[in-house]
């Protein structure tokens, strides 16, 4: 039995579903908060009730609920775009390079990473559909295939997304006034005065450090999965049925229904949305910069592209119906993670955790420890935006005190957050549904990718 097969067997025995993991993490966080943050003037039972209140408040946090909707839309609209003919054409072209496990793993990883740098939701669904198409081709042509490795390759985009243009922390700090807003509890006027109004993409996503890190991770991961594919054994492929059919209309549209099937209407609406997106980004501002990129702008652009590329409202809405099921995990599990964040933040547990890393850091090692702590926190709170809300104030204050580059520390958080997606299976839910794979089947391979990522990002943070 190979090493990967042993890991697969072990995960099958010990790993429950992602929802159960969220419940178990909730219990763990509650116990840790109860043990390490209890108040001397309050009994254990009374403090437990207080913590329950913090948890309940976190479940329905208004700001995070807005973020939840933004992320659901980003995932759904990215999925909708992945179901369009232009994206399908790209996938079909990529399939010509998939002749065995090694070439398929290389191709799926490369294209998924590139797409995820544009949009995390599109990259996730693109990788999932690409992996499934590879499985269909293998069944159709009798190609021996390690399908779980291909599924892991389709999930690899979540290792680079936060360093791309749809990253939660980078888009939030690019909003004017956000840094001062998140530090509003700091009483020092002098401290608030020295904070920049915003940190643009030129300082984060398109910085020299991040460009080098992205190139390094793309080269490393694609080379590794090709090597792994050459040495892996084929496994059984079981594909779930798809609900999206390509049959034509059984009944010709009548009356006002023609508007639903009008290419002119879809082109007009999609064109207007994309025109205004271009106008808002490159014409309206006095000085052209990357400050226009935020979650709402990304979703606005995805909406226009989805309508335009599907050709009419009927096909667009049909794709939405197909895509919406992939967002069910976000809808039901995000509040649980918001509750965990409420526990950590309300009890002060996150401050204990962050202060520990601050105490052992200096101006050289703090970005590295930020990277490590972000990776650990992401296991408990798999949300880039939610994680920034919790860790952001600590990072900002410490970076200013130690005189460290704030953009570098923000990118360190991004690297840590995206890296442990390979361990936390929450975001894999849509991919698992599309490919028919189980989390325990892809995790042995995603953990190997995470190990490489730890090495690459650590070296980058120490060099720059």
Protein backbone atom coordinates (compact mmCIF):
# COMPACT_ATOMS: atom_id res chain seq x y z
CA UNK A 1 0.00 0.00 0.00
CA UNK A 2 1.42 3.40 -1.05
CA UNK A 3 1.84 6.36 1.32
CA UNK A 4 -1.06 8.26 -0.27
CA UNK A 5 -3.33 5.20 -0.04
CA UNK A 6 -2.50 4.88 3.67
CA UNK A 7 -3.38 8.55 4.20
CA UNK A 8 -6.68 8.10 2.32
CA UNK A 9 -7.58 5.12 4.52
CA UNK A 10 -6.71 7.07 7.68
CA UNK A 11 -8.83 10.06 6.68
CA UNK A 12 -11.77 7.82 5.86
CA UNK A 13 -11.63 6.50 9.41
CA UNK A 14 -11.25 9.77 11.35
CA UNK A 15 -12.71 12.65 9.28
CA UNK A 16 -16.42 13.58 9.59
CA UNK A 17 -18.37 15.93 7.29
CA UNK A 18 -17.47 19.65 7.09
CA UNK A 19 -20.67 20.58 8.95
CA UNK A 20 -19.73 18.24 11.79
CA UNK A 21 -16.24 19.73 11.82
CA UNK A 22 -17.78 23.20 12.27
CA UNK A 23 -19.85 21.92 15.21
CA UNK A 24 -16.80 20.26 16.81
CA UNK A 25 -14.74 23.43 16.36
CA UNK A 26 -17.52 25.40 18.03
CA UNK A 27 -17.38 23.11 21.06
CA UNK A 28 -13.57 23.30 21.13
CA UNK A 29 -13.55 27.10 20.96
CA UNK A 30 -16.19 27.30 23.70
CA UNK A 31 -14.16 25.04 26.01
CA UNK A 32 -10.94 26.98 25.36
CA UNK A 33 -12.69 30.27 26.06
CA UNK A 34 -14.19 28.83 29.25
CA UNK A 35 -10.81 27.57 30.48
CA UNK A 36 -8.56 30.49 29.57
CA UNK A 37 -10.74 33.61 29.71
CA UNK A 38 -13.07 33.02 32.67
CA UNK A 39 -13.73 36.07 34.87
CA UNK A 40 -12.92 35.96 38.58
CA UNK A 41 -16.08 37.92 39.49
CA UNK A 42 -18.36 35.49 37.64
CA UNK A 43 -19.09 31.85 38.33
CA UNK A 44 -18.33 29.19 35.77
CA UNK A 45 -22.00 28.64 34.99
CA UNK A 46 -22.70 32.34 34.64
CA UNK A 47 -19.67 32.84 32.40
CA UNK A 48 -20.77 29.90 30.25
CA UNK A 49 -24.09 31.69 29.69
CA UNK A 50 -22.17 34.88 28.82
CA UNK A 51 -20.15 32.96 26.25
CA UNK A 52 -23.34 31.51 24.79
CA UNK A 53 -24.54 35.08 24.36
CA UNK A 54 -21.29 36.00 22.55
CA UNK A 55 -21.74 32.96 20.32
CA UNK A 56 -25.37 33.78 19.54
CA UNK A 57 -24.49 37.41 18.76
CA UNK A 58 -21.76 36.23 16.42
CA UNK A 59 -24.17 33.97 14.54
CA UNK A 60 -26.22 36.92 13.32
CA UNK A 61 -23.59 39.68 13.18
CA UNK A 62 -25.03 42.21 10.69
CA UNK A 63 -21.76 43.19 9.06
CA UNK A 64 -20.68 39.59 8.61
CA UNK A 65 -24.09 38.65 7.23
CA UNK A 66 -23.53 41.25 4.51
CA UNK A 67 -20.15 39.69 3.85
CA UNK A 68 -21.82 36.24 3.78
CA UNK A 69 -24.20 37.42 1.06
CA UNK A 70 -21.31 38.97 -0.88
CA UNK A 71 -19.39 35.70 -0.76
CA UNK A 72 -22.47 33.66 -1.73
CA UNK A 73 -23.01 35.92 -4.73
CA UNK A 74 -19.33 35.72 -5.64
CA UNK A 75 -19.47 31.92 -5.57
CA UNK A 76 -22.82 31.67 -7.41
CA UNK A 77 -21.94 34.25 -10.07
CA UNK A 78 -18.49 32.70 -10.50
CA UNK A 79 -20.18 29.31 -10.96
CA UNK A 80 -22.64 30.84 -13.43
CA UNK A 81 -19.73 32.28 -15.41
CA UNK A 82 -17.99 28.89 -15.32
CA UNK A 83 -21.05 27.38 -17.06
CA UNK A 84 -20.85 29.76 -20.04
CA UNK A 85 -19.70 28.76 -23.51
CA UNK A 86 -16.45 30.81 -23.42
CA UNK A 87 -15.32 29.13 -20.19
CA UNK A 88 -16.46 25.71 -21.43
CA UNK A 89 -14.44 26.33 -24.60
CA UNK A 90 -11.36 26.97 -22.45
CA UNK A 91 -11.98 23.74 -20.51
CA UNK A 92 -12.46 21.71 -23.70
CA UNK A 93 -9.20 23.09 -25.06
CA UNK A 94 -7.46 22.18 -21.82
CA UNK A 95 -8.81 18.63 -22.02
CA UNK A 96 -6.73 17.99 -25.15
CA UNK A 97 -3.63 18.12 -22.93
CA UNK A 98 -5.04 15.64 -20.40
CA UNK A 99 -3.72 12.30 -21.67
CA UNK A 100 -2.99 10.64 -18.29
CA UNK A 101 -3.00 11.46 -14.57
CA UNK A 102 0.23 13.48 -14.70
CA UNK A 103 -0.68 15.72 -17.64
CA UNK A 104 -4.24 16.11 -16.38
CA UNK A 105 -3.09 17.11 -12.87
CA UNK A 106 -0.60 19.61 -14.36
CA UNK A 107 -3.18 21.18 -16.70
CA UNK A 108 -6.00 21.37 -14.15
CA UNK A 109 -3.67 22.90 -11.53
CA UNK A 110 -2.18 25.48 -13.88
CA UNK A 111 -5.47 26.75 -15.30
CA UNK A 112 -7.26 26.64 -11.95
CA UNK A 113 -4.54 28.71 -10.29
CA UNK A 114 -4.65 31.32 -13.06
CA UNK A 115 -8.46 31.59 -12.97
CA UNK A 116 -8.53 31.76 -9.14
CA UNK A 117 -6.16 34.74 -9.24
CA UNK A 118 -8.93 36.55 -11.13
CA UNK A 119 -11.80 35.42 -8.90
CA UNK A 120 -11.87 32.84 -6.13
CA UNK A 121 -15.44 31.71 -6.81
CA UNK A 122 -14.84 31.31 -10.52
CA UNK A 123 -11.55 29.53 -9.83
CA UNK A 124 -13.20 27.10 -7.41
CA UNK A 125 -16.03 26.18 -9.78
CA UNK A 126 -13.81 26.23 -12.86
CA UNK A 127 -11.45 23.77 -11.17
CA UNK A 128 -14.36 21.57 -10.06
CA UNK A 129 -15.94 21.43 -13.52
CA UNK A 130 -12.55 20.89 -15.16
CA UNK A 131 -11.80 18.00 -12.77
CA UNK A 132 -15.19 16.44 -13.52
CA UNK A 133 -14.66 16.82 -17.28
CA UNK A 134 -11.32 15.03 -16.91
CA UNK A 135 -13.13 12.22 -15.08
CA UNK A 136 -15.75 12.00 -17.82
CA UNK A 137 -13.06 11.85 -20.48
CA UNK A 138 -11.23 9.09 -18.58
CA UNK A 139 -14.40 7.00 -18.35
CA UNK A 140 -15.28 7.64 -21.98
CA UNK A 141 -11.84 6.79 -23.35
CA UNK A 142 -10.78 4.17 -20.80
CA UNK A 143 -7.87 6.23 -19.42
CA UNK A 144 -6.51 5.00 -16.05
CA UNK A 145 -6.82 7.98 -13.71
CA UNK A 146 -6.16 8.93 -10.10
CA UNK A 147 -9.38 10.93 -9.83
CA UNK A 148 -8.86 12.18 -6.21
CA UNK A 149 -5.55 13.77 -7.29
CA UNK A 150 -7.36 15.56 -10.13
CA UNK A 151 -9.98 16.75 -7.63
CA UNK A 152 -7.22 18.12 -5.40
CA UNK A 153 -5.73 19.87 -8.44
CA UNK A 154 -9.13 21.47 -9.09
CA UNK A 155 -9.16 22.76 -5.50
CA UNK A 156 -5.63 24.21 -5.67
CA UNK A 157 -6.90 27.67 -6.66
CA UNK A 158 -7.86 28.24 -3.02
CA UNK A 159 -4.10 28.34 -2.31
CA UNK A 160 -3.62 31.57 -4.27
CA UNK A 161 -6.99 33.32 -4.20
CA UNK A 162 -6.23 35.74 -1.34
CA UNK A 163 -3.21 37.01 -3.24
CA UNK A 164 -5.40 37.65 -6.30
CA UNK A 165 -7.76 40.49 -7.16
CA UNK A 166 -10.75 39.05 -5.26
CA UNK A 167 -8.92 38.66 -1.93
CA UNK A 168 -11.09 39.72 1.03
CA UNK A 169 -8.47 41.52 3.14
CA UNK A 170 -6.80 43.25 0.19
CA UNK A 171 -10.12 44.50 -1.22
CA UNK A 172 -11.23 45.75 2.22
CA UNK A 173 -8.04 47.74 2.91
CA UNK A 174 -8.35 49.21 -0.58
CA UNK A 175 -11.60 50.89 0.48
CA UNK A 176 -11.06 54.53 1.46
CA UNK A 177 -11.25 55.02 5.23
CA UNK A 178 -11.36 51.32 6.09
CA UNK A 179 -8.16 51.27 8.16
CA UNK A 180 -9.32 54.12 10.39
CA UNK A 181 -12.75 52.51 10.66
CA UNK A 182 -11.43 49.15 11.84
CA UNK A 183 -9.19 50.94 14.40
CA UNK A 184 -11.92 53.27 15.69
CA UNK A 185 -11.62 51.81 19.21
CA UNK A 186 -8.05 53.09 19.45
CA UNK A 187 -8.18 56.21 21.60
CA UNK A 188 -4.94 57.71 20.27
CA UNK A 189 -5.60 60.48 17.78
CA UNK A 190 -1.92 60.48 16.83
CA UNK A 191 -2.10 56.77 15.99
CA UNK A 192 -5.16 57.23 13.77
CA UNK A 193 -3.57 60.24 12.08
CA UNK A 194 -0.57 58.26 10.81
CA UNK A 195 -2.71 55.50 9.30
CA UNK A 196 -3.05 55.69 5.51
CA UNK A 197 -6.53 56.32 4.12
CA UNK A 198 -6.26 53.14 2.04
CA UNK A 199 -3.76 50.55 0.85
CA UNK A 200 -4.16 50.01 -2.87
CA UNK A 201 -3.59 46.87 -4.90
CA UNK A 202 -0.33 48.35 -6.14
CA UNK A 203 1.07 47.86 -2.61
CA UNK A 204 -0.44 44.41 -1.98
CA UNK A 205 -1.65 42.25 -4.88
CA UNK A 206 0.66 43.79 -7.48
CA UNK A 207 3.65 44.29 -5.21
CA UNK A 208 6.96 42.72 -6.23
CA UNK A 209 6.79 40.34 -3.26
CA UNK A 210 3.36 39.00 -4.17
CA UNK A 211 4.18 38.66 -7.87
CA UNK A 212 7.28 36.62 -7.02
CA UNK A 213 5.33 34.54 -4.47
CA UNK A 214 2.58 33.83 -6.99
CA UNK A 215 5.00 32.79 -9.72
CA UNK A 216 6.90 30.58 -7.27
CA UNK A 217 3.77 28.81 -6.03
CA UNK A 218 2.42 28.26 -9.56
CA UNK A 219 5.70 26.71 -10.75
CA UNK A 220 6.11 24.62 -7.59
CA UNK A 221 2.57 23.22 -7.47
CA UNK A 222 2.30 22.38 -11.17
CA UNK A 223 5.67 20.62 -11.12
CA UNK A 224 4.77 18.67 -7.98
CA UNK A 225 1.37 17.40 -9.15
CA UNK A 226 2.94 16.29 -12.45
CA UNK A 227 5.59 14.36 -10.52
CA UNK A 228 2.95 12.91 -8.19
CA UNK A 229 0.73 11.95 -11.12
CA UNK A 230 3.55 9.94 -12.66
CA UNK A 231 3.82 7.89 -9.47
CA UNK A 232 0.18 7.50 -8.43
CA UNK A 233 -2.12 4.53 -8.98
CA UNK A 234 -5.46 4.81 -10.83
CA UNK A 235 -8.62 4.78 -8.71
CA UNK A 236 -12.29 4.16 -9.40
CA UNK A 237 -14.24 7.10 -10.83
CA UNK A 238 -17.83 7.58 -9.65
CA UNK A 239 -19.48 10.72 -11.05
CA UNK A 240 -22.72 12.18 -9.67
CA UNK A 241 -25.49 13.07 -12.14
CA UNK A 242 -25.68 16.68 -13.31
CA UNK A 243 -28.96 18.57 -13.26
CA UNK A 244 -27.95 20.98 -16.00
CA UNK A 245 -29.07 19.62 -19.36
CA UNK A 246 -28.29 21.05 -22.74
CA UNK A 247 -31.56 20.15 -24.43
CA UNK A 248 -33.27 22.76 -26.55
CA UNK A 249 -36.64 24.32 -25.87
CA UNK A 250 -39.56 21.89 -26.10
CA UNK A 251 -42.08 24.71 -26.61
CA UNK A 252 -41.40 27.91 -28.51
CA UNK A 253 -41.52 31.02 -26.27
CA UNK A 254 -44.79 32.93 -26.52
CA UNK A 255 -45.58 36.59 -25.95
CA UNK A 256 -43.59 38.22 -23.16
CA UNK A 257 -41.63 34.97 -22.72
CA UNK A 258 -39.66 36.02 -25.78
CA UNK A 259 -37.93 38.62 -23.59
CA UNK A 260 -36.52 35.78 -21.46
CA UNK A 261 -34.99 34.23 -24.58
CA UNK A 262 -33.92 37.46 -26.30
CA UNK A 263 -30.22 37.70 -27.07
CA UNK A 264 -30.68 41.41 -27.70
CA UNK A 265 -32.04 41.99 -24.18
CA UNK A 266 -29.25 39.99 -22.56
CA UNK A 267 -26.61 41.75 -24.64
CA UNK A 268 -28.12 45.14 -23.77
CA UNK A 269 -28.31 44.52 -20.01
CA UNK A 270 -24.96 42.75 -19.79
CA UNK A 271 -23.36 45.40 -21.98
CA UNK A 272 -24.72 48.26 -19.86
CA UNK A 273 -23.43 46.64 -16.65
CA UNK A 274 -19.97 46.07 -18.10
CA UNK A 275 -19.91 49.57 -19.62
CA UNK A 276 -20.66 51.15 -16.25
CA UNK A 277 -18.10 48.89 -14.55
CA UNK A 278 -15.50 50.16 -17.03
CA UNK A 279 -16.70 53.76 -16.60
CA UNK A 280 -16.54 53.52 -12.79
CA UNK A 281 -13.03 52.05 -12.90
CA UNK A 282 -11.29 54.04 -15.62
CA UNK A 283 -13.31 57.18 -16.48
CA UNK A 284 -15.03 58.40 -13.30
CA UNK A 285 -11.96 58.59 -10.99
CA UNK A 286 -9.74 61.66 -11.32
CA UNK A 287 -6.68 59.44 -10.89
CA UNK A 288 -6.86 55.91 -12.27
CA UNK A 289 -5.83 53.34 -9.65
CA UNK A 290 -6.84 49.91 -8.38
CA UNK A 291 -8.92 51.39 -5.54
CA UNK A 292 -12.17 50.55 -7.37
CA UNK A 293 -11.78 46.81 -6.72
CA UNK A 294 -13.98 45.61 -3.85
CA UNK A 295 -16.44 42.70 -3.34
CA UNK A 296 -19.41 44.64 -4.72
CA UNK A 297 -17.51 45.69 -7.83
CA UNK A 298 -16.35 42.12 -8.47
CA UNK A 299 -19.92 40.79 -8.15
CA UNK A 300 -21.22 43.58 -10.38
CA UNK A 301 -18.74 42.64 -13.09
CA UNK A 302 -19.45 38.91 -12.74
CA UNK A 303 -23.18 39.63 -13.11
CA UNK A 304 -22.61 41.50 -16.38
CA UNK A 305 -20.29 38.82 -17.76
CA UNK A 306 -22.70 36.03 -16.76
CA UNK A 307 -25.71 37.61 -18.47
CA UNK A 308 -23.73 38.55 -21.58
CA UNK A 309 -21.98 35.18 -22.03
CA UNK A 310 -25.11 33.08 -21.43
CA UNK A 311 -26.85 34.92 -24.25
CA UNK A 312 -30.31 35.28 -22.69
CA UNK A 313 -32.02 35.48 -19.30
CA UNK A 314 -33.44 31.95 -19.57
CA UNK A 315 -30.03 30.31 -19.79
CA UNK A 316 -28.61 32.69 -17.18
CA UNK A 317 -31.32 31.82 -14.63
CA UNK A 318 -31.01 28.13 -15.44
CA UNK A 319 -27.31 28.37 -14.60
CA UNK A 320 -28.17 30.24 -11.38
CA UNK A 321 -30.47 27.37 -10.36
CA UNK A 322 -27.59 24.95 -10.97
CA UNK A 323 -25.08 27.13 -9.12
CA UNK A 324 -27.15 28.03 -6.07
CA UNK A 325 -26.83 24.58 -4.52
CA UNK A 326 -23.07 25.09 -4.24
CA UNK A 327 -23.69 28.06 -1.93
CA UNK A 328 -25.76 26.03 0.54
CA UNK A 329 -22.66 25.26 2.60
CA UNK A 330 -21.89 28.98 2.96
CA UNK A 331 -25.49 29.74 3.92
CA UNK A 332 -25.73 27.17 6.71
CA UNK A 333 -22.12 26.96 7.90
CA UNK A 334 -20.95 30.59 7.71
CA UNK A 335 -23.11 31.58 10.71
CA UNK A 336 -21.48 28.77 12.71
CA UNK A 337 -18.04 30.22 11.94
CA UNK A 338 -19.33 33.71 12.72
CA UNK A 339 -20.39 32.28 16.08
CA UNK A 340 -16.87 30.90 16.60
CA UNK A 341 -15.49 34.31 15.74
CA UNK A 342 -17.94 35.88 18.22
CA UNK A 343 -16.65 33.52 20.91
CA UNK A 344 -13.00 34.22 20.12
CA UNK A 345 -13.45 37.96 19.87
CA UNK A 346 -15.94 38.43 22.69
CA UNK A 347 -14.02 36.31 25.19
CA UNK A 348 -10.63 37.79 24.29
CA UNK A 349 -9.35 34.39 23.19
CA UNK A 350 -8.13 35.80 19.89
CA UNK A 351 -6.17 38.49 21.74
CA UNK A 352 -4.48 35.85 23.90
CA UNK A 353 -3.63 33.94 20.75
CA UNK A 354 -2.36 37.00 18.85
CA UNK A 355 -0.50 38.47 21.84
CA UNK A 356 1.46 35.24 22.14
CA UNK A 357 2.85 35.67 18.64
CA UNK A 358 3.52 39.36 19.22
CA UNK A 359 5.51 38.52 22.35
CA UNK A 360 7.84 36.18 20.45
CA UNK A 361 8.20 38.44 17.39
CA UNK A 362 10.47 41.21 16.18
CA UNK A 363 10.46 43.34 13.03
CA UNK A 364 11.85 40.41 11.00
CA UNK A 365 9.81 37.52 12.35
CA UNK A 366 6.42 39.23 12.88
CA UNK A 367 5.25 38.78 9.24
CA UNK A 368 6.22 35.11 9.49
CA UNK A 369 4.30 34.64 12.75
CA UNK A 370 1.36 36.53 11.24
CA UNK A 371 1.45 33.99 8.43
CA UNK A 372 1.47 31.09 10.92
CA UNK A 373 -1.28 32.51 13.16
CA UNK A 374 -3.49 33.33 10.16
CA UNK A 375 -3.18 29.75 8.98
CA UNK A 376 -4.26 28.44 12.38
CA UNK A 377 -7.15 30.90 12.77
CA UNK A 378 -8.39 30.01 9.27
CA UNK A 379 -9.01 26.45 10.47
CA UNK A 380 -11.47 27.86 13.03
CA UNK A 381 -12.83 30.73 10.92
CA UNK A 382 -12.50 29.87 7.19
CA UNK A 383 -13.38 33.35 5.99
CA UNK A 384 -10.82 35.82 4.72
CA UNK A 385 -13.01 38.82 5.47
CA UNK A 386 -14.06 37.55 8.88
CA UNK A 387 -10.47 36.72 9.73
CA UNK A 388 -9.33 40.21 8.75
CA UNK A 389 -12.01 41.69 11.01
CA UNK A 390 -10.60 39.69 13.93
CA UNK A 391 -6.85 39.86 13.28
CA UNK A 392 -6.69 43.11 11.33
CA UNK A 393 -6.61 45.51 14.31
CA UNK A 394 -3.84 43.51 16.02
CA UNK A 395 -1.78 43.39 12.82
CA UNK A 396 -2.23 47.12 12.14
CA UNK A 397 -1.28 48.20 15.66
CA UNK A 398 1.70 45.87 15.95
CA UNK A 399 3.03 46.72 12.48
CA UNK A 400 2.91 50.41 13.35
CA UNK A 401 4.61 49.85 16.72
CA UNK A 402 7.40 47.73 15.24
CA UNK A 403 7.81 49.93 12.14
CA UNK A 404 7.07 47.03 9.78
CA UNK A 405 5.55 47.38 6.32
CA UNK A 406 1.78 47.14 6.79
CA UNK A 407 1.14 45.87 3.22
CA UNK A 408 3.65 43.05 3.84
CA UNK A 409 1.88 42.04 7.06
CA UNK A 410 -1.48 42.09 5.28
CA UNK A 411 -0.11 39.79 2.58
CA UNK A 412 1.32 37.52 5.29
CA UNK A 413 -2.21 37.15 6.66
CA UNK A 414 -3.49 36.45 3.13
CA UNK A 415 -0.88 33.72 2.59
CA UNK A 416 -1.67 32.01 5.89
CA UNK A 417 -5.40 32.25 5.34
CA UNK A 418 -5.34 30.75 1.85
CA UNK A 419 -2.78 28.07 2.71
CA UNK A 420 -4.82 26.14 5.28
CA UNK A 421 -7.79 25.94 2.93
CA UNK A 422 -5.98 22.78 1.90
CA UNK A 423 -6.64 21.44 5.41
CA UNK A 424 -10.05 23.02 6.18
CA UNK A 425 -12.56 21.34 3.79
CA UNK A 426 -15.28 24.00 4.08
CA UNK A 427 -14.64 25.67 0.73
CA UNK A 428 -14.32 22.30 -0.98
CA UNK A 429 -18.07 21.66 -0.59
CA UNK A 430 -19.04 22.86 -4.10
CA UNK A 431 -16.15 20.92 -5.68
CA UNK A 432 -17.08 17.75 -3.81
CA UNK A 433 -20.66 18.07 -5.00
CA UNK A 434 -19.67 18.56 -8.64
CA UNK A 435 -16.97 15.88 -8.77
CA UNK A 436 -18.62 13.30 -6.52
CA UNK A 437 -15.45 13.00 -4.43
CA UNK A 438 -15.29 13.01 -0.63
CA UNK A 439 -13.17 15.37 1.47
CA UNK A 440 -11.22 12.44 2.90
CA UNK A 441 -10.23 11.39 -0.65
CA UNK A 442 -8.67 14.69 -1.71
CA UNK A 443 -7.18 15.73 1.65
CA UNK A 444 -4.06 13.52 1.45
CA UNK A 445 -3.07 15.39 -1.73
CA UNK A 446 -4.15 18.87 -0.61
CA UNK A 447 -2.06 18.41 2.56
CA UNK A 448 0.99 17.72 0.39
CA UNK A 449 0.27 20.93 -1.54
CA UNK A 450 -0.07 22.79 1.76
CA UNK A 451 3.36 21.52 2.85
CA UNK A 452 4.91 22.97 -0.30
CA UNK A 453 3.05 26.22 0.24
CA UNK A 454 4.42 26.54 3.78
CA UNK A 455 7.94 26.27 2.40
CA UNK A 456 7.44 28.72 -0.49
CA UNK A 457 5.58 31.44 1.44
CA UNK A 458 7.94 31.23 4.43
CA UNK A 459 10.96 31.79 2.20
CA UNK A 460 9.26 34.71 0.42
CA UNK A 461 8.37 36.42 3.70
CA UNK A 462 11.94 36.06 4.99
CA UNK A 463 13.54 37.32 1.76
CA UNK A 464 11.41 40.43 1.18
